[in-house]
Protein backbone atom coordinates (compact mmCIF):
# COMPACT_ATOMS: atom_id res chain seq x y z
CA MET A 1 63.16 -29.83 -21.35
CA PRO A 2 63.04 -28.12 -17.91
CA ALA A 3 66.23 -28.27 -15.90
CA ALA A 4 66.14 -30.96 -13.21
CA ALA A 5 66.70 -29.97 -9.63
CA ILE A 6 70.36 -29.95 -8.59
CA ARG A 7 71.03 -32.58 -5.99
CA HIS A 8 73.73 -32.89 -3.33
CA ASP A 9 72.45 -36.11 -1.80
CA TRP A 10 73.61 -38.67 -4.38
CA THR A 11 74.52 -42.10 -2.97
CA ARG A 12 77.51 -44.13 -4.11
CA ALA A 13 75.13 -46.82 -5.35
CA GLU A 14 73.33 -44.32 -7.53
CA VAL A 15 76.59 -43.02 -8.98
CA LEU A 16 77.82 -46.51 -9.75
CA ALA A 17 74.47 -47.39 -11.34
CA LEU A 18 74.86 -44.38 -13.64
CA ILE A 19 78.40 -45.29 -14.70
CA ASP A 20 77.20 -48.87 -15.31
CA LEU A 21 74.41 -47.83 -17.71
CA PRO A 22 74.55 -49.01 -21.34
CA PHE A 23 76.76 -46.50 -23.14
CA ALA A 24 74.06 -45.07 -25.42
CA ASP A 25 71.58 -44.68 -22.55
CA LEU A 26 74.16 -42.89 -20.44
CA LEU A 27 75.12 -40.50 -23.24
CA GLN A 28 71.48 -39.70 -23.97
CA ARG A 29 70.78 -38.84 -20.35
CA ALA A 30 73.97 -36.82 -20.02
CA HIS A 31 73.33 -34.87 -23.24
CA GLU A 32 69.75 -34.07 -22.25
CA THR A 33 71.02 -32.81 -18.87
CA HIS A 34 73.69 -30.75 -20.62
CA ARG A 35 71.18 -29.08 -22.98
CA ALA A 36 68.86 -28.27 -20.05
CA HIS A 37 71.60 -26.24 -18.33
CA HIS A 38 74.02 -25.04 -21.02
CA ASP A 39 74.48 -24.02 -24.62
CA ALA A 40 75.30 -27.39 -26.13
CA ASN A 41 77.65 -25.85 -28.72
CA ALA A 42 79.61 -23.46 -26.48
CA VAL A 43 82.88 -24.38 -24.79
CA GLN A 44 84.70 -22.30 -22.18
CA VAL A 45 88.38 -21.90 -23.07
CA SER A 46 91.15 -21.54 -20.48
CA THR A 47 94.93 -21.32 -20.73
CA LEU A 48 97.20 -22.70 -17.98
CA LEU A 49 100.64 -21.29 -17.23
CA SER A 50 103.20 -22.76 -14.83
CA ILE A 51 104.39 -19.69 -12.95
CA LYS A 52 106.71 -21.75 -10.72
CA THR A 53 107.84 -25.11 -12.09
CA GLY A 54 109.34 -28.20 -10.45
CA GLY A 55 110.98 -28.89 -7.11
CA CYS A 56 107.78 -29.87 -5.35
CA PRO A 57 108.34 -31.81 -2.07
CA GLU A 58 105.19 -33.94 -2.47
CA ASP A 59 105.16 -37.53 -3.80
CA CYS A 60 102.09 -37.56 -6.06
CA ALA A 61 102.75 -40.65 -8.19
CA TYR A 62 101.55 -39.03 -11.41
CA CYS A 63 103.45 -35.75 -11.20
CA PRO A 64 106.62 -34.91 -13.11
CA GLN A 65 107.20 -31.86 -10.91
CA ALA A 66 107.92 -33.88 -7.75
CA ALA A 67 111.53 -33.29 -6.78
CA ARG A 68 112.02 -36.97 -5.82
CA TYR A 69 111.39 -38.27 -9.38
CA SER A 70 113.82 -38.03 -12.29
CA THR A 71 111.59 -36.73 -15.08
CA GLY A 72 113.78 -34.09 -16.70
CA VAL A 73 111.76 -31.24 -15.21
CA GLU A 74 114.12 -28.63 -13.81
CA ALA A 75 113.13 -26.57 -10.78
CA GLU A 76 112.56 -22.91 -11.65
CA LYS A 77 111.87 -19.80 -9.59
CA LEU A 78 108.62 -17.88 -9.60
CA MET A 79 108.16 -16.06 -12.90
CA SER A 80 108.25 -12.26 -13.07
CA LEU A 81 105.03 -10.26 -13.23
CA ASP A 82 105.93 -8.96 -16.69
CA ALA A 83 106.49 -12.48 -18.04
CA VAL A 84 103.18 -13.73 -16.65
CA LEU A 85 101.32 -10.72 -18.07
CA ALA A 86 102.87 -11.26 -21.49
CA SER A 87 101.71 -14.87 -21.47
CA ALA A 88 98.21 -13.82 -20.44
CA GLN A 89 98.06 -11.29 -23.26
CA GLN A 90 99.09 -13.96 -25.73
CA ALA A 91 96.44 -16.34 -24.36
CA LYS A 92 93.75 -13.71 -24.66
CA ALA A 93 94.76 -12.94 -28.24
CA ALA A 94 94.44 -16.66 -29.05
CA GLY A 95 90.87 -16.73 -27.71
CA ALA A 96 91.22 -17.84 -24.08
CA THR A 97 88.82 -16.23 -21.61
CA ARG A 98 90.30 -17.62 -18.38
CA PHE A 99 93.93 -17.56 -17.39
CA CYS A 100 95.10 -20.13 -14.82
CA MET A 101 98.38 -19.82 -12.92
CA GLY A 102 99.93 -22.90 -11.38
CA ALA A 103 102.84 -23.12 -8.96
CA ALA A 104 104.53 -26.34 -7.85
CA TRP A 105 104.28 -25.69 -4.11
CA ARG A 106 103.01 -27.93 -1.31
CA SER A 107 101.55 -24.67 -0.02
CA PRO A 108 102.61 -21.07 -0.69
CA LYS A 109 104.52 -19.16 1.95
CA ASP A 110 102.82 -16.01 3.17
CA ARG A 111 105.58 -13.97 1.45
CA ASP A 112 104.59 -15.52 -1.90
CA ILE A 113 100.97 -14.38 -1.74
CA PRO A 114 101.53 -10.65 -2.55
CA LYS A 115 103.52 -11.65 -5.64
CA VAL A 116 100.78 -13.95 -6.90
CA ALA A 117 98.12 -11.38 -5.95
CA ALA A 118 99.88 -8.83 -8.19
CA MET A 119 99.77 -11.31 -11.07
CA VAL A 120 96.07 -11.95 -10.47
CA SER A 121 95.27 -8.24 -10.46
CA ALA A 122 97.24 -7.62 -13.64
CA VAL A 123 95.55 -10.48 -15.53
CA LYS A 124 92.15 -9.40 -14.25
CA ALA A 125 92.79 -5.95 -15.65
CA LEU A 126 93.05 -7.53 -19.13
CA GLY A 127 89.39 -8.54 -18.84
CA MET A 128 90.11 -12.25 -18.30
CA GLU A 129 88.81 -14.58 -15.62
CA THR A 130 91.57 -15.63 -13.23
CA CYS A 131 92.36 -18.98 -11.65
CA ALA A 132 95.27 -20.19 -9.50
CA THR A 133 96.49 -23.52 -8.25
CA LEU A 134 99.18 -23.12 -5.60
CA GLY A 135 98.72 -26.10 -3.29
CA MET A 136 97.14 -25.97 0.17
CA LEU A 137 95.88 -22.55 1.33
CA SER A 138 95.22 -21.09 4.73
CA GLN A 139 92.10 -18.99 5.26
CA PRO A 140 94.01 -15.67 5.29
CA GLN A 141 95.79 -16.65 2.05
CA ALA A 142 92.49 -17.50 0.35
CA ASP A 143 91.01 -14.19 1.57
CA ALA A 144 94.00 -12.24 0.19
CA LEU A 145 93.70 -13.86 -3.23
CA LYS A 146 89.99 -13.10 -3.33
CA GLN A 147 90.70 -9.48 -2.51
CA ALA A 148 93.22 -9.33 -5.38
CA GLY A 149 90.49 -10.36 -7.82
CA LEU A 150 90.95 -14.12 -8.11
CA ASP A 151 87.85 -15.81 -9.55
CA TYR A 152 88.66 -19.53 -9.26
CA TYR A 153 90.97 -21.66 -7.15
CA ASN A 154 91.88 -25.12 -8.41
CA HIS A 155 92.53 -27.88 -5.88
CA ASN A 156 91.77 -31.36 -7.14
CA LEU A 157 90.74 -34.32 -4.99
CA ASP A 158 92.57 -36.54 -7.51
CA SER A 159 90.79 -39.79 -6.64
CA ALA A 160 88.27 -41.51 -4.40
CA PRO A 161 89.18 -41.37 -0.71
CA GLU A 162 89.89 -45.11 -0.55
CA PHE A 163 92.32 -45.01 -3.50
CA TYR A 164 94.08 -41.79 -2.54
CA GLY A 165 96.64 -43.51 -0.29
CA GLU A 166 97.85 -45.55 -3.28
CA ILE A 167 99.09 -42.46 -5.09
CA ILE A 168 99.93 -39.80 -2.45
CA HIS A 169 101.47 -40.10 1.01
CA THR A 170 102.64 -36.56 1.74
CA ARG A 171 99.21 -34.91 2.05
CA GLU A 172 96.00 -36.27 3.54
CA TYR A 173 92.66 -36.28 1.76
CA GLN A 174 91.27 -34.10 4.53
CA ASP A 175 93.98 -31.50 3.79
CA ARG A 176 92.46 -31.14 0.32
CA LEU A 177 88.92 -30.85 1.70
CA ASP A 178 90.15 -28.24 4.22
CA THR A 179 91.67 -26.08 1.45
CA LEU A 180 88.42 -26.31 -0.55
CA GLY A 181 86.60 -25.13 2.57
CA HIS A 182 88.90 -22.11 2.90
CA VAL A 183 88.38 -21.28 -0.78
CA ARG A 184 84.58 -21.44 -0.49
CA ASP A 185 84.64 -19.39 2.74
CA ALA A 186 86.67 -16.69 0.97
CA GLY A 187 83.94 -16.43 -1.66
CA LEU A 188 86.07 -17.89 -4.44
CA LYS A 189 84.71 -20.28 -7.01
CA THR A 190 86.16 -23.77 -6.82
CA CYS A 191 87.76 -25.72 -9.62
CA CYS A 192 88.00 -29.31 -8.44
CA GLY A 193 88.12 -32.67 -10.14
CA GLY A 194 90.44 -35.62 -10.44
CA ILE A 195 92.53 -37.96 -12.54
CA VAL A 196 91.48 -41.28 -14.04
CA GLY A 197 93.58 -44.04 -15.48
CA MET A 198 95.87 -44.39 -12.47
CA GLY A 199 94.99 -48.04 -11.90
CA GLU A 200 91.79 -47.42 -10.01
CA THR A 201 88.61 -49.50 -10.43
CA ARG A 202 85.33 -48.31 -11.89
CA ALA A 203 83.84 -48.31 -8.39
CA GLN A 204 86.69 -46.03 -7.26
CA ARG A 205 86.05 -43.72 -10.21
CA ALA A 206 82.44 -43.59 -9.09
CA GLY A 207 83.72 -42.80 -5.61
CA LEU A 208 85.60 -39.74 -6.87
CA LEU A 209 82.51 -38.41 -8.65
CA HIS A 210 80.35 -39.14 -5.58
CA THR A 211 82.73 -37.17 -3.37
CA LEU A 212 82.70 -34.18 -5.73
CA ALA A 213 78.89 -34.24 -6.12
CA THR A 214 78.31 -34.33 -2.35
CA LEU A 215 80.60 -31.44 -1.39
CA PRO A 216 78.81 -28.55 0.39
CA ALA A 217 78.65 -26.84 -2.99
CA HIS A 218 79.35 -28.35 -6.37
CA PRO A 219 82.64 -27.11 -7.83
CA GLN A 220 81.82 -24.49 -10.47
CA SER A 221 84.50 -26.12 -12.67
CA VAL A 222 85.15 -29.87 -12.69
CA PRO A 223 88.32 -30.94 -14.56
CA ILE A 224 88.39 -34.60 -15.55
CA ASN A 225 92.00 -35.51 -16.32
CA ARG A 226 93.17 -38.65 -18.10
CA LEU A 227 96.55 -39.72 -16.74
CA VAL A 228 99.48 -38.45 -18.81
CA GLN A 229 102.21 -41.03 -18.22
CA VAL A 230 105.62 -39.44 -17.66
CA GLU A 231 108.80 -41.52 -17.57
CA GLY A 232 110.36 -41.39 -14.17
CA THR A 233 107.08 -41.23 -12.24
CA PRO A 234 105.72 -44.32 -10.44
CA LEU A 235 102.67 -44.45 -12.69
CA ALA A 236 104.65 -44.68 -15.93
CA GLY A 237 103.67 -47.95 -17.60
CA THR A 238 100.19 -48.09 -16.10
CA ALA A 239 97.66 -49.83 -18.36
CA PRO A 240 95.85 -47.04 -20.31
CA LEU A 241 92.19 -46.38 -19.52
CA ASP A 242 89.61 -47.54 -22.04
CA PRO A 243 88.51 -44.37 -23.93
CA PHE A 244 84.84 -45.25 -23.50
CA GLU A 245 85.40 -45.42 -19.74
CA PHE A 246 86.74 -41.88 -19.89
CA VAL A 247 83.61 -40.72 -21.73
CA ARG A 248 81.51 -42.37 -19.01
CA MET A 249 83.30 -40.19 -16.43
CA ILE A 250 82.49 -37.04 -18.37
CA ALA A 251 78.83 -38.11 -18.77
CA VAL A 252 78.28 -39.02 -15.11
CA ALA A 253 79.99 -35.78 -13.96
CA ARG A 254 77.55 -33.87 -16.14
CA ILE A 255 74.50 -35.69 -14.71
CA LEU A 256 75.65 -35.32 -11.09
CA MET A 257 76.75 -31.66 -11.36
CA PRO A 258 74.51 -30.27 -14.09
CA ALA A 259 75.26 -26.56 -13.62
CA SER A 260 79.05 -26.98 -13.38
CA MET A 261 81.52 -26.57 -16.21
CA VAL A 262 82.97 -30.01 -16.92
CA ARG A 263 86.48 -29.61 -18.28
CA LEU A 264 88.11 -31.98 -20.72
CA SER A 265 91.53 -31.52 -19.20
CA ALA A 266 94.90 -33.35 -19.13
CA GLY A 267 95.44 -36.14 -21.61
CA ARG A 268 93.71 -34.39 -24.49
CA ALA A 269 96.87 -34.43 -26.63
CA GLU A 270 96.54 -38.24 -26.83
CA MET A 271 92.81 -38.14 -27.65
CA SER A 272 91.47 -38.49 -31.18
CA ASP A 273 89.10 -35.84 -32.53
CA GLU A 274 86.37 -38.48 -32.40
CA LEU A 275 86.92 -39.14 -28.69
CA GLN A 276 86.85 -35.42 -27.91
CA ALA A 277 83.62 -35.05 -29.88
CA LEU A 278 82.06 -37.82 -27.81
CA CYS A 279 83.16 -36.03 -24.65
CA PHE A 280 81.58 -32.75 -25.82
CA PHE A 281 78.35 -34.63 -26.58
CA ALA A 282 78.49 -36.23 -23.12
CA GLY A 283 78.63 -32.82 -21.44
CA ALA A 284 82.23 -31.53 -21.46
CA ASN A 285 82.05 -27.75 -22.05
CA SER A 286 85.45 -26.48 -21.02
CA ILE A 287 89.01 -27.10 -22.22
CA PHE A 288 92.54 -25.94 -21.62
CA TYR A 289 93.82 -24.23 -24.75
CA GLY A 290 97.43 -23.90 -25.76
CA GLU A 291 100.42 -26.14 -26.29
CA LYS A 292 101.24 -27.04 -22.68
CA LEU A 293 99.53 -27.96 -19.37
CA LEU A 294 102.09 -27.01 -16.73
CA THR A 295 104.77 -29.46 -18.00
CA THR A 296 102.89 -31.90 -20.24
CA GLY A 297 101.70 -31.46 -23.83
CA ASN A 298 98.36 -30.20 -25.04
CA PRO A 299 96.84 -29.86 -28.53
CA ASP A 300 97.90 -26.63 -30.18
CA THR A 301 95.38 -23.86 -30.74
CA GLU A 302 95.17 -24.43 -34.48
CA ARG A 303 94.12 -28.05 -33.99
CA ASP A 304 91.50 -26.99 -31.47
CA GLN A 305 90.15 -24.24 -33.72
CA ALA A 306 89.91 -26.72 -36.60
CA LEU A 307 88.05 -29.22 -34.42
CA PHE A 308 85.65 -26.55 -33.18
CA ALA A 309 84.90 -25.55 -36.75
CA ARG A 310 84.26 -29.17 -37.80
CA LEU A 311 81.88 -29.67 -34.84
CA GLY A 312 80.14 -26.26 -35.06
CA ILE A 313 81.38 -25.38 -31.57
CA HIS A 314 82.18 -21.82 -30.50
CA ALA A 315 84.23 -20.45 -27.62
CA MET A 316 82.12 -19.19 -24.75
CA GLU A 317 82.12 -15.49 -23.93
CA VAL A 318 82.31 -14.52 -20.26
CA GLU A 319 81.44 -11.46 -18.23
CA VAL A 320 84.35 -10.63 -15.94
CA GLU A 321 83.59 -9.10 -12.57
CA ARG A 322 85.59 -5.93 -12.12
CA ILE A 323 87.43 -5.28 -8.90
CA GLY A 324 87.48 -1.81 -7.39
């Protein structure tokens, strides 16, 4: 089927109507959209490394790295370049094509940027795509990371604007939108999604997807995270999200942002193979690969490889833009 035009003018009512569709009807529409824009059996594989763990001053209610919560996560200094490069080489050998570096900062200090830029350049030289998530960025910081060879910058919106104040008080929603603007203006690709299962309503989940789909440009990568409950955080004990509701989020993200990579992200360790297969059918075509996502668990590579084999899925190959 021909690919439908990509829209940026979705209304909230339209998004909610999609998420309310009968499950089979929604999956059929999402899968047809997926096939029109992507290889239905190819999945992009990324690995995420925490290059600076814990001690974050923010109060995100889901996050074990917030200094104010007692979660057993110890604050650590920024990793060395050699250690990061060794992890990237290991990730590449395991089949990852993108290497993401995360630091638990509210925002990096200007003195931190050259250190991260050196990591980006070294990983890029391996022939991998590069991604970083470092908190809020200024325009000069975003420009410097682009110059170093960064491909993607991750900065999630987390939730709908009207629910955001229930989970975070130390950073405004507009701060997140401003950082995304700096990232786009620097010429970087954006990786931006959110978390579901934090106690929000279906209408608020639709609100998150509506916000993402009406940004000035669709994020090239859209991670949909299912809350990983960590003891010591305020959201520990939250009623778990219905798995079918999670699949609905994947499906609607695919319909709204047809050309984007929709990433089956945090929470995958708790998902059955059958649930993951439904998500791939609904349009997910990117995963994090490896045993850990920053500080929480993730399926090991052997389990993922076995699932790919059972489903006839293959890892996507990427062309990496060379710098210099």
